[in-house]
Protein backbone atom coordinates (compact mmCIF):
# COMPACT_ATOMS: atom_id res chain seq x y z
CA UNK A 1 0.00 0.00 0.00
CA UNK A 2 1.38 3.37 -0.94
CA UNK A 3 2.09 5.86 1.83
CA UNK A 4 -0.30 8.77 1.73
CA UNK A 5 0.72 12.39 1.62
CA UNK A 6 0.35 12.98 5.34
CA UNK A 7 2.61 10.03 6.19
CA UNK A 8 5.18 11.22 3.66
CA UNK A 9 5.10 14.70 5.18
CA UNK A 10 5.48 13.21 8.66
CA UNK A 11 8.52 11.19 7.66
CA UNK A 12 10.07 14.20 5.97
CA UNK A 13 9.58 16.29 9.11
CA UNK A 14 11.10 13.56 11.27
CA UNK A 15 14.19 13.21 9.10
CA UNK A 16 14.83 16.93 8.58
CA UNK A 17 14.95 18.47 12.06
CA UNK A 18 18.53 19.66 12.35
CA UNK A 19 17.51 22.70 14.41
CA UNK A 20 14.56 23.65 16.58
CA UNK A 21 12.58 26.36 14.84
CA UNK A 22 12.35 29.58 16.80
CA UNK A 23 8.64 29.91 16.07
CA UNK A 24 7.80 26.47 17.46
CA UNK A 25 7.37 24.83 14.05
CA UNK A 26 9.30 22.36 11.92
CA UNK A 27 7.15 23.02 8.85
CA UNK A 28 8.18 25.15 5.87
CA UNK A 29 6.50 28.56 5.76
CA UNK A 30 4.00 27.60 3.04
CA UNK A 31 2.83 24.52 4.95
CA UNK A 32 2.70 26.36 8.28
CA UNK A 33 0.63 29.19 6.75
CA UNK A 34 -1.90 26.79 5.20
CA UNK A 35 -2.20 24.77 8.40
CA UNK A 36 -2.72 27.89 10.51
CA UNK A 37 -5.47 29.14 8.21
CA UNK A 38 -7.26 25.77 8.37
CA UNK A 39 -6.83 25.60 12.13
CA UNK A 40 -8.15 29.11 12.75
CA UNK A 41 -11.20 28.58 10.54
CA UNK A 42 -12.25 25.16 11.84
CA UNK A 43 -11.08 25.79 15.41
CA UNK A 44 -13.22 28.92 15.62
CA UNK A 45 -16.21 26.98 14.27
CA UNK A 46 -15.72 24.25 16.91
CA UNK A 47 -15.46 26.86 19.66
CA UNK A 48 -18.50 28.81 18.41
CA UNK A 49 -20.59 25.63 18.18
CA UNK A 50 -19.68 24.55 21.69
CA UNK A 51 -20.32 27.99 23.21
CA UNK A 52 -23.64 28.35 21.37
CA UNK A 53 -24.86 25.00 22.70
CA UNK A 54 -23.53 25.84 26.15
CA UNK A 55 -25.39 29.15 26.10
CA UNK A 56 -28.58 27.39 25.03
CA UNK A 57 -28.48 24.97 27.97
CA UNK A 58 -26.43 27.02 30.41
CA UNK A 59 -25.75 30.67 31.17
CA UNK A 60 -24.40 33.79 29.47
CA UNK A 61 -21.01 33.05 31.04
CA UNK A 62 -20.56 30.50 28.23
CA UNK A 63 -19.02 33.28 26.14
CA UNK A 64 -16.32 34.03 28.72
CA UNK A 65 -15.32 30.83 30.50
CA UNK A 66 -12.60 28.47 29.28
CA UNK A 67 -13.86 25.88 26.83
CA UNK A 68 -11.96 22.66 26.14
CA UNK A 69 -13.81 21.56 23.01
CA UNK A 70 -11.68 20.13 20.22
CA UNK A 71 -11.68 18.27 16.94
CA UNK A 72 -8.83 15.79 16.46
CA UNK A 73 -7.89 14.34 13.08
CA UNK A 74 -5.52 11.36 13.09
CA UNK A 75 -3.71 9.77 10.19
CA UNK A 76 -1.81 6.57 11.01
CA UNK A 77 0.35 4.24 8.96
CA UNK A 78 1.19 0.88 10.52
CA UNK A 79 3.75 -1.63 9.27
CA UNK A 80 3.70 -5.13 10.76
CA UNK A 81 6.13 -7.90 9.95
CA UNK A 82 4.42 -10.52 7.76
CA UNK A 83 1.33 -8.27 7.49
CA UNK A 84 2.73 -5.31 5.56
CA UNK A 85 1.34 -1.77 5.55
CA UNK A 86 -2.09 -0.53 6.63
CA UNK A 87 -3.50 2.99 6.92
CA UNK A 88 -6.13 4.37 9.26
CA UNK A 89 -7.84 7.76 9.25
CA UNK A 90 -10.05 8.82 12.15
CA UNK A 91 -11.79 11.90 13.49
CA UNK A 92 -12.64 12.45 17.14
CA UNK A 93 -14.43 15.38 18.74
CA UNK A 94 -15.53 16.59 22.13
CA UNK A 95 -17.87 19.48 22.86
CA UNK A 96 -17.33 20.95 26.30
CA UNK A 97 -20.37 22.72 27.77
CA UNK A 98 -19.09 23.95 31.16
CA UNK A 99 -22.01 26.22 32.18
CA UNK A 100 -24.85 23.89 31.16
CA UNK A 101 -25.36 23.53 34.90
CA UNK A 102 -23.05 23.73 37.88
CA UNK A 103 -23.14 20.00 38.60
CA UNK A 104 -24.98 18.62 35.56
CA UNK A 105 -23.02 18.94 32.35
CA UNK A 106 -24.12 18.13 28.81
CA UNK A 107 -21.63 15.85 27.08
CA UNK A 108 -21.21 15.30 23.34
CA UNK A 109 -18.27 13.22 22.15
CA UNK A 110 -17.27 10.63 19.60
CA UNK A 111 -15.77 7.20 20.22
CA UNK A 112 -16.29 6.75 23.97
CA UNK A 113 -13.87 4.38 25.65
CA UNK A 114 -16.54 1.65 25.71
CA UNK A 115 -16.30 1.42 21.90
CA UNK A 116 -12.52 0.96 21.71
CA UNK A 117 -12.61 -2.84 21.81
CA UNK A 118 -10.41 -5.27 23.72
CA UNK A 119 -7.12 -4.32 25.36
CA UNK A 120 -5.30 -6.34 22.72
CA UNK A 121 -6.98 -4.28 19.97
CA UNK A 122 -6.45 -0.88 21.56
CA UNK A 123 -2.96 -1.39 22.97
CA UNK A 124 -1.89 -1.26 26.58
CA UNK A 125 -2.85 2.36 27.08
CA UNK A 126 -6.13 3.38 25.42
CA UNK A 127 -5.56 7.08 26.11
CA UNK A 128 -2.40 7.02 24.00
CA UNK A 129 -2.95 4.20 21.51
CA UNK A 130 -6.57 4.28 20.47
CA UNK A 131 -8.10 2.32 17.61
CA UNK A 132 -11.01 4.60 16.93
CA UNK A 133 -13.87 3.42 14.79
CA UNK A 134 -15.13 6.88 13.96
CA UNK A 135 -18.67 5.47 13.87
CA UNK A 136 -19.82 6.03 17.45
CA UNK A 137 -20.90 9.27 19.09
CA UNK A 138 -22.78 9.83 22.32
CA UNK A 139 -24.85 12.63 23.78
CA UNK A 140 -25.78 12.65 27.44
CA UNK A 141 -25.69 14.31 30.84
CA UNK A 142 -22.98 13.88 33.47
CA UNK A 143 -23.60 14.66 37.15
CA UNK A 144 -20.33 16.12 38.42
CA UNK A 145 -18.84 15.67 41.88
CA UNK A 146 -17.02 18.79 43.16
CA UNK A 147 -14.82 16.79 45.57
CA UNK A 148 -11.06 17.15 45.18
CA UNK A 149 -9.66 13.84 43.86
CA UNK A 150 -6.56 14.34 46.00
CA UNK A 151 -8.63 14.44 49.19
CA UNK A 152 -11.61 12.14 48.52
CA UNK A 153 -12.98 9.77 45.92
CA UNK A 154 -14.62 11.80 43.15
CA UNK A 155 -17.65 10.22 41.48
CA UNK A 156 -19.41 11.05 38.22
CA UNK A 157 -22.71 9.59 37.04
CA UNK A 158 -24.07 9.94 33.53
CA UNK A 159 -26.52 8.69 30.98
CA UNK A 160 -27.71 9.38 27.47
CA UNK A 161 -27.78 7.78 24.03
CA UNK A 162 -25.35 6.60 21.42
CA UNK A 163 -26.30 8.33 18.18
CA UNK A 164 -27.19 5.48 15.85
CA UNK A 165 -30.19 3.63 14.40
CA UNK A 166 -31.82 2.25 16.44
CA UNK A 167 -31.03 4.66 19.29
CA UNK A 168 -28.77 3.05 21.88
CA UNK A 169 -29.27 4.29 25.50
CA UNK A 170 -26.47 4.05 28.08
CA UNK A 171 -25.70 4.73 31.75
CA UNK A 172 -22.34 4.76 33.47
CA UNK A 173 -20.62 5.61 36.75
CA UNK A 174 -17.00 6.75 37.17
CA UNK A 175 -14.84 7.01 40.27
CA UNK A 176 -11.39 8.61 40.51
CA UNK A 177 -8.85 9.11 43.26
CA UNK A 178 -5.29 10.47 43.46
CA UNK A 179 -2.92 9.65 46.30
CA UNK A 180 0.30 11.54 46.92
CA UNK A 181 2.50 11.62 49.99
CA UNK A 182 4.55 14.52 51.33
CA UNK A 183 7.52 12.32 52.21
CA UNK A 184 7.45 10.28 49.00
CA UNK A 185 7.92 11.13 45.30
CA UNK A 186 5.37 8.50 44.26
CA UNK A 187 1.87 9.40 43.04
CA UNK A 188 -0.97 6.92 42.43
CA UNK A 189 -4.01 7.67 40.25
CA UNK A 190 -6.99 5.29 40.14
CA UNK A 191 -9.70 5.52 37.47
CA UNK A 192 -12.68 3.13 37.48
CA UNK A 193 -15.82 2.98 35.31
CA UNK A 194 -18.91 0.75 35.14
CA UNK A 195 -21.03 1.12 31.99
CA UNK A 196 -24.15 -0.31 30.40
CA UNK A 197 -25.07 0.14 26.72
CA UNK A 198 -28.29 -1.38 25.40
CA UNK A 199 -26.48 -2.81 22.36
CA UNK A 200 -23.41 -4.19 24.15
CA UNK A 201 -24.51 -4.89 27.72
CA UNK A 202 -22.29 -4.26 30.74
CA UNK A 203 -18.60 -3.42 30.87
CA UNK A 204 -16.15 -2.48 33.61
CA UNK A 205 -12.63 -1.07 33.49
CA UNK A 206 -10.06 -0.02 36.04
CA UNK A 207 -6.76 1.87 35.58
CA UNK A 208 -4.01 2.21 38.21
CA UNK A 209 -1.24 4.64 37.29
CA UNK A 210 1.81 4.81 39.60
CA UNK A 211 4.48 7.40 38.77
CA UNK A 212 7.55 9.03 40.26
CA UNK A 213 10.11 11.50 38.87
CA UNK A 214 13.65 10.23 38.47
CA UNK A 215 15.05 13.69 37.81
CA UNK A 216 13.90 16.95 36.23
CA UNK A 217 13.47 15.35 32.78
CA UNK A 218 12.74 11.65 33.41
CA UNK A 219 9.81 9.80 34.95
CA UNK A 220 9.21 6.19 35.94
CA UNK A 221 5.72 4.80 35.38
CA UNK A 222 3.77 1.62 36.11
CA UNK A 223 0.36 1.52 34.41
CA UNK A 224 -2.04 -1.36 35.10
CA UNK A 225 -5.39 -1.95 33.37
CA UNK A 226 -8.24 -4.38 33.92
CA UNK A 227 -11.24 -4.65 31.62
CA UNK A 228 -14.31 -6.86 31.38
CA UNK A 229 -16.94 -6.66 28.63
CA UNK A 230 -20.12 -8.71 28.52
CA UNK A 231 -19.64 -9.27 24.79
CA UNK A 232 -16.20 -10.86 25.42
CA UNK A 233 -17.05 -12.39 28.82
CA UNK A 234 -13.44 -12.56 29.97
CA UNK A 235 -11.26 -10.47 32.24
CA UNK A 236 -8.46 -8.73 30.33
CA UNK A 237 -5.43 -7.13 31.88
CA UNK A 238 -2.35 -5.25 30.77
CA UNK A 239 0.76 -4.01 32.50
CA UNK A 240 3.14 -1.34 31.28
CA UNK A 241 6.52 -0.41 32.82
CA UNK A 242 8.20 2.57 31.21
CA UNK A 243 10.68 5.38 31.57
CA UNK A 244 9.78 8.64 29.85
CA UNK A 245 12.23 11.41 29.07
CA UNK A 246 11.52 15.02 28.19
CA UNK A 247 14.02 15.89 25.47
CA UNK A 248 12.95 19.55 25.19
CA UNK A 249 9.76 21.61 25.32
CA UNK A 250 8.49 19.97 22.13
CA UNK A 251 9.80 16.41 22.21
CA UNK A 252 9.34 13.40 24.50
CA UNK A 253 10.67 9.87 24.38
CA UNK A 254 9.22 6.85 26.19
CA UNK A 255 10.62 3.32 26.41
CA UNK A 256 8.59 0.52 27.93
CA UNK A 257 7.82 -3.15 28.42
CA UNK A 258 4.13 -4.09 27.98
CA UNK A 259 2.27 -7.32 28.73
CA UNK A 260 -1.32 -8.05 27.66
CA UNK A 261 -3.29 -11.06 28.84
CA UNK A 262 -6.70 -12.40 29.81
CA UNK A 263 -8.69 -14.88 31.93
CA UNK A 264 -9.53 -14.80 35.62
CA UNK A 265 -9.42 -18.52 36.44
CA UNK A 266 -6.39 -19.34 34.28
CA UNK A 267 -4.44 -16.10 33.67
CA UNK A 268 -2.11 -16.09 30.70
CA UNK A 269 -0.06 -13.53 28.79
CA UNK A 270 -0.97 -13.30 25.10
CA UNK A 271 1.52 -10.62 24.03
CA UNK A 272 4.79 -9.25 25.36
CA UNK A 273 6.31 -6.30 23.60
CA UNK A 274 9.05 -3.73 23.82
CA UNK A 275 8.06 -0.26 22.73
CA UNK A 276 9.88 2.98 22.04
CA UNK A 277 7.62 6.02 21.58
CA UNK A 278 8.93 9.32 20.20
CA UNK A 279 6.44 12.23 20.17
CA UNK A 280 7.19 15.60 18.62
CA UNK A 281 5.16 18.81 18.52
CA UNK A 282 5.98 19.77 14.95
CA UNK A 283 3.79 22.86 14.75
CA UNK A 284 2.81 25.15 17.65
CA UNK A 285 0.81 22.68 19.74
CA UNK A 286 -1.45 21.93 16.77
CA UNK A 287 0.24 19.15 14.81
CA UNK A 288 2.00 16.24 16.52
CA UNK A 289 4.10 13.41 15.13
CA UNK A 290 4.47 9.98 16.74
CA UNK A 291 7.04 7.38 15.72
CA UNK A 292 6.51 4.06 17.56
CA UNK A 293 8.67 1.00 16.83
CA UNK A 294 7.66 -2.20 18.70
CA UNK A 295 9.01 -5.73 19.03
CA UNK A 296 6.17 -8.19 19.79
CA UNK A 297 6.28 -11.72 21.18
CA UNK A 298 2.73 -12.88 20.51
CA UNK A 299 1.11 -16.17 21.52
CA UNK A 300 -0.53 -16.48 18.09
CA UNK A 301 2.94 -16.59 16.49
CA UNK A 302 4.36 -18.98 19.16
CA UNK A 303 6.13 -16.00 20.72
CA UNK A 304 8.46 -15.59 17.75
CA UNK A 305 9.64 -11.94 17.54
CA UNK A 306 7.62 -9.72 15.21
CA UNK A 307 8.45 -6.10 14.42
CA UNK A 308 5.87 -3.32 14.05
CA UNK A 309 6.28 0.40 13.37
CA UNK A 310 3.60 3.07 13.64
CA UNK A 311 3.87 6.53 12.10
CA UNK A 312 1.09 8.85 13.22
CA UNK A 313 0.07 12.48 12.68
CA UNK A 314 -2.45 14.14 15.02
CA UNK A 315 -3.99 17.51 14.18
CA UNK A 316 -5.84 19.30 16.99
CA UNK A 317 -8.35 21.96 15.97
CA UNK A 318 -9.44 24.21 18.81
CA UNK A 319 -9.49 27.94 19.42
CA UNK A 320 -7.32 28.26 22.52
CA UNK A 321 -3.85 26.78 22.04
CA UNK A 322 -0.88 26.96 24.39
CA UNK A 323 1.89 27.69 21.95
CA UNK A 324 5.03 25.83 22.82
CA UNK A 325 8.44 27.44 22.65
CA UNK A 326 11.85 25.82 22.67
């Protein structure tokens, strides 16, 4: 399969970064100008749409408060040993309506985590390695808990519908907690969610994220996931150990060991893999490049080593952007 234009541009940017650009961009002027025009036009439309809906359901403060709505466009090229090349294009959005009510917020987003599939399909960390279908969107209400997650458990309850034919209602409950200790550099974050969708039944997931800084630029992380879905009817788990390094204000590098397995009564590991993840902000906090080589030892291939490389571009379209500098 031929590499598309975005993947070619990404590879060119990766291979031609001899110096950090003073304006926070690795793109040539013509590409940067075109991207900025597109971003400003679509980003303003996303922001206007979110604030208009927020004002309809909320208060006049919708025009003044911070709004975290975004549209994210992802282009990914994956090469797998013995499988060859494959391309994936996805769009994800979130409309933030912060004044819809103080403790009852309207939520509109695409591809909720319940639609991301098994842990083996989505990778060991769904927030960073999503396999989005682009076909699911939900609209609902979330009841917010004002409790500080660092002092108490914070709970959120919500319900609504998945926008499809026939309409698919859902309910879910989320609990989060963060522990940190004055005499210890460690921090533990727990995220837990129980969901029910009419089309898929029940599901439950739990994330435990333990981190500590090693120095000013490096961090040690242990990330554990558990997931059960009624459609799969098995307990899945994954474990990631990694060291991340901040290269500069626009580049990060992570190296990790990941294990993915399943079964409660007879636990087994289905995939071990080594992963190196390089992420670069190639244009002013708007366009990001990921290069992710992996070496897999999968049960389906009798644990023979298999290489995989992912090249990904992510374009964020939103009005308020923190512009990175070197």
